[in-house]
């Protein structure tokens, strides 16, 4: 009765008090949830300690992109010398990426030809002609016919196996191994492909290990280069290139200069959509959040949702940081239904923090973390960007620089993911390793180019 009388006399004041109490309760519940979350991590789950934990390159992501040491303050004008230097660095880094991506960015021979399905007799006649040219030593003509047969019958195990044998004899054992594996995906009992794969798999594994060793060697070199005075300028332009290519894969049309202007000034670009602006802003926020996470050993579900929330928060705030509630199709791949996502994500987080994952080479671990999340496809949109950020979080935690996948490598990127969906994840892991090597080359080339062009003309061997 007392409360009712008070409500009738002072309804506004009572409403304010109730609102404050509700807000306080919500804050306390949120804090309690966080305490329970970290208690579970520390006392219940007790994650396996990552032996590779060594976040040495997290400073490649700035805490605030507008305040680079070599950048100009917001509101002031950049000097001609600074502008010239930054354009020169950007040109050098882009040149290095273009050189490195000529091979890794091109489509695999399995998908080079345009698809046009042929009849069985057409495929058979093409293969017979290819084998005849091969026997006659006319390898260029044989190669074109094998490619044509593969384009007409991409799921024919015999064609894939013959094509693989031809490439293996001409020293492309990696692609041959991929072809044998693809043949077995369509025909698991194919005896010739089984025999061939048994022979090539160990050799390809050794080649992959050599690639990892090369990455580790260049990573050590990069640690030394980070001490050079010119490295901050390289880091700055590499950061903008990373954002440019990451959103570019999704179809964003902003140039490096345009997105840099948006990030440094907060102003808009005439002729560019609100969506494109928001994609750039969201990715920057997500990258800064990833930098904060590099100092923790454990990767939690809340952190994955937090990454997605930042990626999509400006683009689709209502669906950012939450699992999808609808069935989706990704090309020929059908991700699991919404009802299974929560359980699959729990298993995914458990794997991320497992001894099995941490015992892998960090590049393999990072690549698989990307593929596994894309395979689940837990969100309505932003799965690719979130997966690439998780991949880079793992690389940064393990002492490797973040990897960028170039816009020009989009087809190869999606192709290797498609092959992984068919059962062979090695091409995708190899692709990520090549991208890691490419980024290391870019940083090393950039610092070397600046040293050669600098006032002292210092020559840095590399």
Protein backbone atom coordinates (compact mmCIF):
# COMPACT_ATOMS: atom_id res chain seq x y z
CA UNK A 1 0.00 0.00 0.00
CA UNK A 2 2.85 2.35 0.89
CA UNK A 3 4.61 1.69 -2.44
CA UNK A 4 1.34 2.19 -4.33
CA UNK A 5 0.73 5.54 -2.64
CA UNK A 6 4.30 6.61 -3.32
CA UNK A 7 3.95 5.61 -6.97
CA UNK A 8 0.80 7.72 -7.29
CA UNK A 9 2.50 10.75 -5.75
CA UNK A 10 5.93 10.54 -7.45
CA UNK A 11 5.71 8.20 -10.48
CA UNK A 12 8.66 9.80 -12.34
CA UNK A 13 11.07 9.49 -9.43
CA UNK A 14 10.02 5.89 -8.77
CA UNK A 15 10.48 5.00 -12.45
CA UNK A 16 14.00 6.48 -12.41
CA UNK A 17 14.92 4.50 -9.28
CA UNK A 18 13.57 1.28 -10.80
CA UNK A 19 15.54 1.91 -14.01
CA UNK A 20 18.73 2.45 -12.03
CA UNK A 21 18.14 -0.74 -10.02
CA UNK A 22 17.55 -2.75 -13.20
CA UNK A 23 20.74 -1.33 -14.74
CA UNK A 24 22.76 -2.20 -11.64
CA UNK A 25 21.36 -5.74 -11.62
CA UNK A 26 22.23 -6.17 -15.32
CA UNK A 27 25.80 -4.99 -14.71
CA UNK A 28 26.17 -7.33 -11.74
CA UNK A 29 24.85 -10.27 -13.77
CA UNK A 30 27.30 -9.49 -16.58
CA UNK A 31 30.19 -9.32 -14.10
CA UNK A 32 29.07 -12.59 -12.53
CA UNK A 33 28.98 -14.22 -15.96
CA UNK A 34 32.55 -13.08 -16.65
CA UNK A 35 33.73 -14.35 -13.24
CA UNK A 36 32.12 -17.73 -13.91
CA UNK A 37 33.68 -17.80 -17.39
CA UNK A 38 37.23 -17.21 -16.14
CA UNK A 39 36.73 -19.49 -13.15
CA UNK A 40 35.80 -22.25 -15.60
CA UNK A 41 38.89 -21.54 -17.69
CA UNK A 42 41.32 -21.48 -14.76
CA UNK A 43 39.89 -24.09 -12.40
CA UNK A 44 37.76 -26.44 -14.48
CA UNK A 45 39.04 -26.61 -18.04
CA UNK A 46 42.74 -26.00 -17.29
CA UNK A 47 43.84 -25.63 -20.92
CA UNK A 48 47.01 -27.19 -22.24
CA UNK A 49 49.85 -24.67 -22.14
CA UNK A 50 50.91 -23.76 -25.67
CA UNK A 51 54.67 -24.44 -25.98
CA UNK A 52 54.81 -22.04 -28.95
CA UNK A 53 53.29 -19.11 -27.04
CA UNK A 54 55.53 -16.14 -27.88
CA UNK A 55 53.61 -13.06 -29.10
CA UNK A 56 56.48 -11.04 -30.58
CA UNK A 57 54.72 -9.43 -33.53
CA UNK A 58 51.54 -8.07 -31.94
CA UNK A 59 52.81 -4.51 -32.45
CA UNK A 60 52.32 -5.00 -36.19
CA UNK A 61 48.70 -4.17 -35.32
CA UNK A 62 48.46 -0.62 -33.89
CA UNK A 63 46.31 0.07 -30.86
CA UNK A 64 44.92 3.04 -32.77
CA UNK A 65 45.56 3.29 -36.50
CA UNK A 66 45.27 7.09 -36.40
CA UNK A 67 48.34 7.53 -34.23
CA UNK A 68 51.26 5.84 -35.95
CA UNK A 69 54.60 7.23 -34.87
CA UNK A 70 55.45 8.26 -38.42
CA UNK A 71 51.93 9.39 -39.25
CA UNK A 72 50.67 12.92 -39.21
CA UNK A 73 48.29 14.01 -36.40
CA UNK A 74 44.63 14.33 -37.26
CA UNK A 75 43.85 17.88 -38.23
CA UNK A 76 47.33 18.68 -39.51
CA UNK A 77 48.77 18.45 -43.01
CA UNK A 78 51.22 15.75 -43.98
CA UNK A 79 54.52 17.09 -45.26
CA UNK A 80 55.70 16.41 -48.79
CA UNK A 81 58.63 14.32 -47.53
CA UNK A 82 56.42 12.14 -45.34
CA UNK A 83 53.92 11.66 -48.15
CA UNK A 84 56.70 10.76 -50.58
CA UNK A 85 58.21 8.27 -48.12
CA UNK A 86 54.87 6.60 -47.40
CA UNK A 87 54.00 6.31 -51.08
CA UNK A 88 57.43 4.82 -51.74
CA UNK A 89 57.00 2.24 -48.96
CA UNK A 90 53.50 1.34 -50.16
CA UNK A 91 54.83 0.89 -53.69
CA UNK A 92 57.69 -1.35 -52.46
CA UNK A 93 55.37 -3.55 -50.36
CA UNK A 94 52.83 -3.88 -53.15
CA UNK A 95 55.62 -4.78 -55.55
CA UNK A 96 56.87 -7.48 -53.17
CA UNK A 97 53.37 -8.94 -52.82
CA UNK A 98 52.82 -8.97 -56.57
CA UNK A 99 56.10 -10.79 -57.12
CA UNK A 100 55.30 -13.41 -54.50
CA UNK A 101 51.68 -13.92 -55.54
CA UNK A 102 52.37 -14.73 -59.18
CA UNK A 103 52.53 -18.44 -58.41
CA UNK A 104 50.63 -18.80 -55.13
CA UNK A 105 47.80 -16.59 -56.32
CA UNK A 106 47.20 -18.37 -59.61
CA UNK A 107 44.54 -21.00 -59.91
CA UNK A 108 45.51 -24.60 -59.40
CA UNK A 109 45.79 -26.60 -62.63
CA UNK A 110 42.73 -28.55 -61.53
CA UNK A 111 40.53 -25.50 -62.10
CA UNK A 112 42.25 -23.49 -64.83
CA UNK A 113 40.02 -24.47 -67.74
CA UNK A 114 36.44 -23.34 -68.04
CA UNK A 115 34.03 -26.08 -67.07
CA UNK A 116 32.04 -27.59 -69.90
CA UNK A 117 30.84 -31.13 -69.31
CA UNK A 118 31.62 -33.59 -72.11
CA UNK A 119 30.19 -36.97 -73.00
CA UNK A 120 32.00 -40.13 -71.92
CA UNK A 121 33.23 -40.70 -75.47
CA UNK A 122 34.59 -37.13 -75.73
CA UNK A 123 36.45 -37.51 -72.46
CA UNK A 124 37.80 -40.93 -73.47
CA UNK A 125 39.01 -39.69 -76.87
CA UNK A 126 40.66 -36.65 -75.27
CA UNK A 127 42.51 -38.82 -72.75
CA UNK A 128 43.66 -41.22 -75.47
CA UNK A 129 44.99 -38.31 -77.50
CA UNK A 130 46.75 -36.88 -74.43
CA UNK A 131 48.39 -40.23 -73.70
CA UNK A 132 49.48 -40.52 -77.34
CA UNK A 133 51.09 -37.06 -77.28
CA UNK A 134 52.74 -37.99 -73.98
CA UNK A 135 54.25 -41.15 -75.53
CA UNK A 136 55.47 -39.07 -78.50
CA UNK A 137 57.17 -36.60 -76.17
CA UNK A 138 54.86 -33.72 -77.12
CA UNK A 139 54.27 -32.70 -73.53
CA UNK A 140 52.79 -29.24 -74.12
CA UNK A 141 50.00 -30.67 -76.27
CA UNK A 142 49.50 -33.51 -73.80
CA UNK A 143 49.18 -31.01 -70.92
CA UNK A 144 46.49 -29.02 -72.74
CA UNK A 145 44.49 -32.16 -73.48
CA UNK A 146 44.74 -33.42 -69.89
CA UNK A 147 43.51 -30.02 -68.70
CA UNK A 148 40.65 -30.16 -71.21
CA UNK A 149 39.66 -33.68 -70.12
CA UNK A 150 39.73 -32.61 -66.48
CA UNK A 151 37.51 -29.62 -67.33
CA UNK A 152 34.98 -31.88 -69.08
CA UNK A 153 35.00 -34.53 -66.33
CA UNK A 154 36.16 -32.96 -63.04
CA UNK A 155 34.83 -35.88 -60.99
CA UNK A 156 36.21 -38.70 -63.15
CA UNK A 157 38.72 -40.63 -61.02
CA UNK A 158 40.49 -42.16 -64.04
CA UNK A 159 41.05 -38.75 -65.64
CA UNK A 160 42.31 -37.30 -62.36
CA UNK A 161 44.69 -40.21 -61.87
CA UNK A 162 46.10 -40.10 -65.42
CA UNK A 163 46.52 -36.36 -65.18
CA UNK A 164 48.31 -36.79 -61.84
CA UNK A 165 50.68 -39.39 -63.27
CA UNK A 166 51.55 -37.03 -66.12
CA UNK A 167 52.30 -34.15 -63.73
CA UNK A 168 54.27 -36.39 -61.38
CA UNK A 169 56.49 -37.51 -64.26
CA UNK A 170 57.09 -33.82 -65.02
CA UNK A 171 58.11 -33.03 -61.44
CA UNK A 172 54.91 -31.40 -60.16
CA UNK A 173 54.48 -33.90 -57.37
CA UNK A 174 52.47 -31.56 -55.14
CA UNK A 175 49.68 -31.05 -57.69
CA UNK A 176 49.86 -34.74 -58.62
CA UNK A 177 49.26 -35.65 -54.98
CA UNK A 178 46.24 -33.31 -54.92
CA UNK A 179 44.85 -35.00 -58.03
CA UNK A 180 45.27 -38.49 -56.57
CA UNK A 181 43.53 -37.38 -53.40
CA UNK A 182 40.70 -35.87 -55.40
CA UNK A 183 40.36 -39.09 -57.40
CA UNK A 184 40.03 -41.02 -54.14
CA UNK A 185 37.38 -38.59 -52.91
CA UNK A 186 35.22 -39.63 -55.89
CA UNK A 187 36.33 -43.27 -55.97
CA UNK A 188 37.80 -44.42 -52.61
CA UNK A 189 38.71 -47.89 -53.96
CA UNK A 190 40.55 -46.66 -57.06
CA UNK A 191 43.62 -48.93 -56.96
CA UNK A 192 45.93 -46.86 -59.16
CA UNK A 193 45.17 -43.66 -57.22
CA UNK A 194 45.67 -45.50 -53.91
CA UNK A 195 49.05 -46.78 -55.05
CA UNK A 196 50.11 -43.40 -56.40
CA UNK A 197 49.00 -41.53 -53.28
CA UNK A 198 50.90 -43.95 -51.07
CA UNK A 199 54.04 -43.02 -52.99
CA UNK A 200 53.55 -39.25 -53.20
CA UNK A 201 52.12 -38.46 -49.75
CA UNK A 202 55.41 -38.89 -47.79
CA UNK A 203 57.31 -36.81 -50.35
CA UNK A 204 54.74 -34.01 -50.19
CA UNK A 205 54.81 -34.10 -46.38
CA UNK A 206 58.58 -33.57 -46.51
CA UNK A 207 58.15 -30.65 -48.91
CA UNK A 208 55.61 -29.10 -46.55
CA UNK A 209 58.05 -29.44 -43.65
CA UNK A 210 60.71 -27.68 -45.73
CA UNK A 211 58.23 -24.88 -46.33
CA UNK A 212 57.65 -24.54 -42.57
CA UNK A 213 61.42 -24.48 -41.96
CA UNK A 214 61.81 -21.69 -44.54
CA UNK A 215 59.06 -19.72 -42.79
CA UNK A 216 60.80 -20.10 -39.43
CA UNK A 217 64.11 -18.97 -40.93
CA UNK A 218 62.58 -15.81 -42.41
CA UNK A 219 60.69 -15.14 -39.18
CA UNK A 220 64.01 -15.02 -37.32
CA UNK A 221 65.34 -12.57 -39.90
CA UNK A 222 62.27 -10.38 -39.50
CA UNK A 223 62.77 -10.15 -35.73
CA UNK A 224 66.15 -8.53 -36.41
CA UNK A 225 64.72 -6.19 -39.04
CA UNK A 226 62.11 -4.90 -36.57
CA UNK A 227 64.95 -3.13 -34.75
CA UNK A 228 65.70 -0.93 -37.77
CA UNK A 229 64.60 2.71 -37.67
CA UNK A 230 62.65 2.38 -40.91
CA UNK A 231 60.51 -0.54 -39.77
CA UNK A 232 57.70 1.65 -38.39
CA UNK A 233 57.07 3.05 -41.86
CA UNK A 234 56.89 -0.46 -43.31
CA UNK A 235 54.59 -1.57 -40.50
CA UNK A 236 52.23 1.33 -41.11
CA UNK A 237 51.74 0.67 -44.81
CA UNK A 238 51.53 -3.10 -44.28
CA UNK A 239 48.68 -2.51 -41.82
CA UNK A 240 46.67 -0.58 -44.41
CA UNK A 241 47.44 -3.20 -47.06
CA UNK A 242 46.16 -5.89 -44.69
CA UNK A 243 42.82 -4.14 -44.26
CA UNK A 244 42.62 -3.39 -47.99
CA UNK A 245 43.05 -7.01 -49.06
CA UNK A 246 40.94 -8.48 -46.24
CA UNK A 247 37.86 -6.41 -47.05
CA UNK A 248 38.69 -6.56 -50.76
CA UNK A 249 38.22 -10.33 -50.79
CA UNK A 250 34.62 -9.68 -49.69
CA UNK A 251 34.07 -7.25 -52.59
CA UNK A 252 34.96 -3.89 -50.98
CA UNK A 253 36.11 -1.46 -53.69
CA UNK A 254 38.00 1.11 -51.59
CA UNK A 255 41.63 1.76 -52.51
CA UNK A 256 44.42 1.67 -49.93
CA UNK A 257 44.58 5.47 -49.95
CA UNK A 258 40.82 5.80 -49.46
CA UNK A 259 40.53 3.43 -46.52
CA UNK A 260 43.59 5.01 -44.94
CA UNK A 261 41.88 8.40 -45.19
CA UNK A 262 38.74 6.98 -43.57
CA UNK A 263 40.68 5.42 -40.70
CA UNK A 264 42.95 8.40 -40.04
CA UNK A 265 40.38 11.18 -40.32
CA UNK A 266 37.00 9.56 -39.68
CA UNK A 267 35.67 11.26 -42.82
CA UNK A 268 33.71 9.55 -45.58
CA UNK A 269 34.71 8.90 -49.19
CA UNK A 270 32.36 10.29 -51.81
CA UNK A 271 30.95 7.58 -54.07
CA UNK A 272 31.59 4.73 -51.63
CA UNK A 273 28.70 3.02 -49.87
CA UNK A 274 28.00 3.13 -46.15
CA UNK A 275 28.47 -0.65 -46.11
CA UNK A 276 32.02 -0.35 -47.47
CA UNK A 277 32.90 2.28 -44.86
CA UNK A 278 31.47 0.12 -42.08
CA UNK A 279 33.37 -2.98 -43.27
CA UNK A 280 36.65 -1.07 -42.99
CA UNK A 281 35.81 0.36 -39.55
CA UNK A 282 34.61 -3.00 -38.25
CA UNK A 283 37.73 -4.83 -39.40
CA UNK A 284 39.99 -2.28 -37.73
CA UNK A 285 38.11 -2.68 -34.43
CA UNK A 286 38.35 -6.46 -34.72
CA UNK A 287 42.10 -6.34 -35.43
CA UNK A 288 42.67 -4.15 -32.39
CA UNK A 289 40.65 -6.61 -30.29
CA UNK A 290 42.76 -9.50 -31.64
CA UNK A 291 45.85 -7.62 -30.51
CA UNK A 292 44.44 -7.49 -26.96
CA UNK A 293 43.82 -11.24 -27.04
CA UNK A 294 47.39 -12.16 -28.02
CA UNK A 295 48.57 -12.09 -24.39
CA UNK A 296 46.18 -14.81 -23.21
CA UNK A 297 46.86 -18.53 -23.62
CA UNK A 298 43.22 -19.62 -23.87
CA UNK A 299 40.84 -18.86 -26.76
CA UNK A 300 37.25 -18.82 -25.52
CA UNK A 301 33.90 -18.88 -27.27
CA UNK A 302 33.15 -15.42 -25.88
CA UNK A 303 36.31 -14.10 -27.54
CA UNK A 304 35.33 -15.61 -30.89
CA UNK A 305 31.90 -14.00 -30.58
CA UNK A 306 33.64 -10.76 -29.59
CA UNK A 307 35.72 -10.83 -32.76
CA UNK A 308 32.62 -11.38 -34.89
CA UNK A 309 30.76 -8.67 -32.98
CA UNK A 310 33.43 -6.16 -33.96
CA UNK A 311 33.70 -7.36 -37.56
CA UNK A 312 29.95 -7.07 -38.15
CA UNK A 313 28.96 -4.53 -35.49
CA UNK A 314 28.93 -1.62 -37.92
CA UNK A 315 27.45 -3.66 -40.78
CA UNK A 316 24.72 -5.76 -39.14
CA UNK A 317 24.56 -4.99 -35.40
CA UNK A 318 21.52 -7.17 -34.70
CA UNK A 319 23.25 -10.35 -35.94
CA UNK A 320 26.80 -9.52 -34.85
CA UNK A 321 28.24 -11.81 -32.21
CA UNK A 322 25.35 -14.31 -32.39
CA UNK A 323 24.98 -17.66 -34.13
CA UNK A 324 22.85 -17.91 -37.25
CA UNK A 325 19.29 -19.20 -36.89
CA UNK A 326 18.82 -20.27 -40.50
CA UNK A 327 20.11 -22.91 -42.86
CA UNK A 328 22.75 -21.67 -45.32
CA UNK A 329 24.48 -22.94 -48.45
CA UNK A 330 28.07 -22.06 -49.38
CA UNK A 331 28.48 -23.14 -52.98
CA UNK A 332 28.26 -26.93 -52.98
CA UNK A 333 29.06 -27.07 -49.26
CA UNK A 334 26.13 -27.38 -46.85
CA UNK A 335 27.13 -26.24 -43.33
CA UNK A 336 25.46 -27.87 -40.30
CA UNK A 337 21.93 -26.79 -39.33
CA UNK A 338 21.48 -24.05 -36.70
CA UNK A 339 20.52 -26.52 -33.98
CA UNK A 340 23.99 -28.12 -34.06
CA UNK A 341 26.08 -24.95 -34.05
CA UNK A 342 26.38 -24.45 -30.27
CA UNK A 343 27.63 -28.01 -29.72
CA UNK A 344 30.02 -27.85 -32.67
CA UNK A 345 31.44 -24.54 -31.46
CA UNK A 346 32.05 -25.99 -28.00
CA UNK A 347 34.00 -28.82 -29.63
CA UNK A 348 35.85 -26.30 -31.80
CA UNK A 349 36.95 -24.24 -28.77
CA UNK A 350 38.01 -27.41 -26.99
CA UNK A 351 40.14 -28.36 -30.01
CA UNK A 352 41.66 -24.86 -30.23
CA UNK A 353 42.99 -25.24 -26.68
CA UNK A 354 43.96 -28.90 -26.91
CA UNK A 355 47.38 -30.51 -26.76
CA UNK A 356 46.77 -31.92 -30.24
CA UNK A 357 46.39 -28.44 -31.73
CA UNK A 358 49.27 -26.87 -29.79
CA UNK A 359 51.66 -29.66 -30.77
CA UNK A 360 51.30 -28.80 -34.48
CA UNK A 361 53.48 -26.34 -36.33
CA UNK A 362 51.79 -22.96 -35.63
CA UNK A 363 51.10 -22.30 -39.33
CA UNK A 364 49.32 -25.65 -39.70
CA UNK A 365 47.43 -25.02 -36.45
CA UNK A 366 46.36 -21.56 -37.66
CA UNK A 367 45.26 -22.85 -41.07
CA UNK A 368 43.19 -25.66 -39.56
CA UNK A 369 41.58 -23.26 -37.09
CA UNK A 370 40.46 -21.19 -40.07
CA UNK A 371 39.13 -24.16 -42.03
CA UNK A 372 37.27 -25.71 -39.08
CA UNK A 373 35.43 -22.48 -38.30
CA UNK A 374 34.49 -21.84 -41.93
CA UNK A 375 33.29 -25.45 -42.17
CA UNK A 376 30.90 -24.89 -39.24
CA UNK A 377 29.91 -21.49 -40.69
CA UNK A 378 28.35 -20.40 -37.38
CA UNK A 379 27.31 -16.89 -38.43
CA UNK A 380 24.91 -15.51 -40.99
CA UNK A 381 27.70 -13.34 -42.44
CA UNK A 382 31.32 -12.49 -41.66
CA UNK A 383 32.51 -16.10 -41.29
CA UNK A 384 35.52 -15.62 -43.59
CA UNK A 385 36.75 -12.46 -41.90
CA UNK A 386 36.27 -13.96 -38.44
CA UNK A 387 38.09 -17.16 -39.46
CA UNK A 388 41.02 -15.18 -40.87
CA UNK A 389 41.21 -13.15 -37.65
CA UNK A 390 41.24 -16.34 -35.54
CA UNK A 391 43.99 -17.66 -37.82
CA UNK A 392 46.01 -14.50 -37.29
CA UNK A 393 45.37 -14.52 -33.55
CA UNK A 394 46.99 -17.96 -33.39
CA UNK A 395 49.91 -16.85 -35.56
CA UNK A 396 50.48 -13.77 -33.40
CA UNK A 397 50.30 -15.80 -30.18
CA UNK A 398 52.90 -18.16 -31.62
CA UNK A 399 55.36 -15.46 -32.68
CA UNK A 400 54.44 -15.07 -36.36
CA UNK A 401 53.24 -11.97 -38.20
CA UNK A 402 49.58 -11.78 -39.25
CA UNK A 403 48.91 -13.17 -42.71
CA UNK A 404 46.99 -11.36 -45.42
CA UNK A 405 45.31 -13.17 -48.31
CA UNK A 406 45.48 -10.94 -51.36
CA UNK A 407 42.45 -9.95 -53.41
CA UNK A 408 44.23 -11.52 -56.37
CA UNK A 409 44.40 -14.83 -54.48
CA UNK A 410 40.65 -14.99 -53.90
CA UNK A 411 40.03 -17.80 -56.40
CA UNK A 412 42.90 -19.92 -55.07
CA UNK A 413 41.73 -19.27 -51.50
CA UNK A 414 38.19 -20.46 -52.16
CA UNK A 415 39.38 -23.33 -54.33
CA UNK A 416 41.60 -24.78 -51.58
CA UNK A 417 38.73 -24.45 -49.11
CA UNK A 418 36.55 -26.35 -51.57
CA UNK A 419 39.17 -29.11 -51.83
CA UNK A 420 39.31 -29.24 -48.02
CA UNK A 421 35.54 -29.77 -47.95
CA UNK A 422 36.12 -32.78 -50.22
CA UNK A 423 38.48 -34.31 -47.66
CA UNK A 424 41.98 -33.02 -48.48
CA UNK A 425 42.94 -30.13 -46.21
CA UNK A 426 46.63 -30.17 -47.19
CA UNK A 427 46.28 -27.77 -50.16
CA UNK A 428 44.64 -25.20 -47.89
CA UNK A 429 47.34 -25.57 -45.22
CA UNK A 430 49.95 -25.24 -47.96
CA UNK A 431 48.21 -22.14 -49.29
CA UNK A 432 48.25 -20.49 -45.85
CA UNK A 433 51.93 -21.42 -45.47
CA UNK A 434 52.69 -19.80 -48.84
CA UNK A 435 50.80 -16.68 -47.73
CA UNK A 436 52.86 -16.61 -44.52
CA UNK A 437 56.06 -16.85 -46.54
CA UNK A 438 54.73 -14.12 -48.82
CA UNK A 439 54.13 -11.73 -45.88
CA UNK A 440 57.57 -12.38 -44.42
CA UNK A 441 59.07 -11.67 -47.85
CA UNK A 442 57.05 -8.47 -48.03
CA UNK A 443 58.34 -7.13 -44.70
CA UNK A 444 61.93 -8.11 -45.48
CA UNK A 445 61.78 -6.67 -48.98
CA UNK A 446 60.23 -3.45 -47.66
CA UNK A 447 62.89 -2.87 -45.02
CA UNK A 448 65.65 -3.72 -47.48
CA UNK A 449 64.26 -1.32 -50.10
CA UNK A 450 64.10 1.49 -47.54
CA UNK A 451 67.66 0.77 -46.42
CA UNK A 452 68.90 0.91 -50.01
CA UNK A 453 67.04 4.17 -50.65
CA UNK A 454 67.89 5.74 -47.30
CA UNK A 455 70.37 8.56 -46.77
CA UNK A 456 73.14 6.23 -45.73
CA UNK A 457 72.43 3.68 -48.51
CA UNK A 458 72.81 0.85 -46.06
CA UNK A 459 72.85 -2.55 -47.78
CA UNK A 460 71.03 -5.26 -45.87
CA UNK A 461 71.68 -8.79 -47.07
CA UNK A 462 68.54 -10.93 -47.47
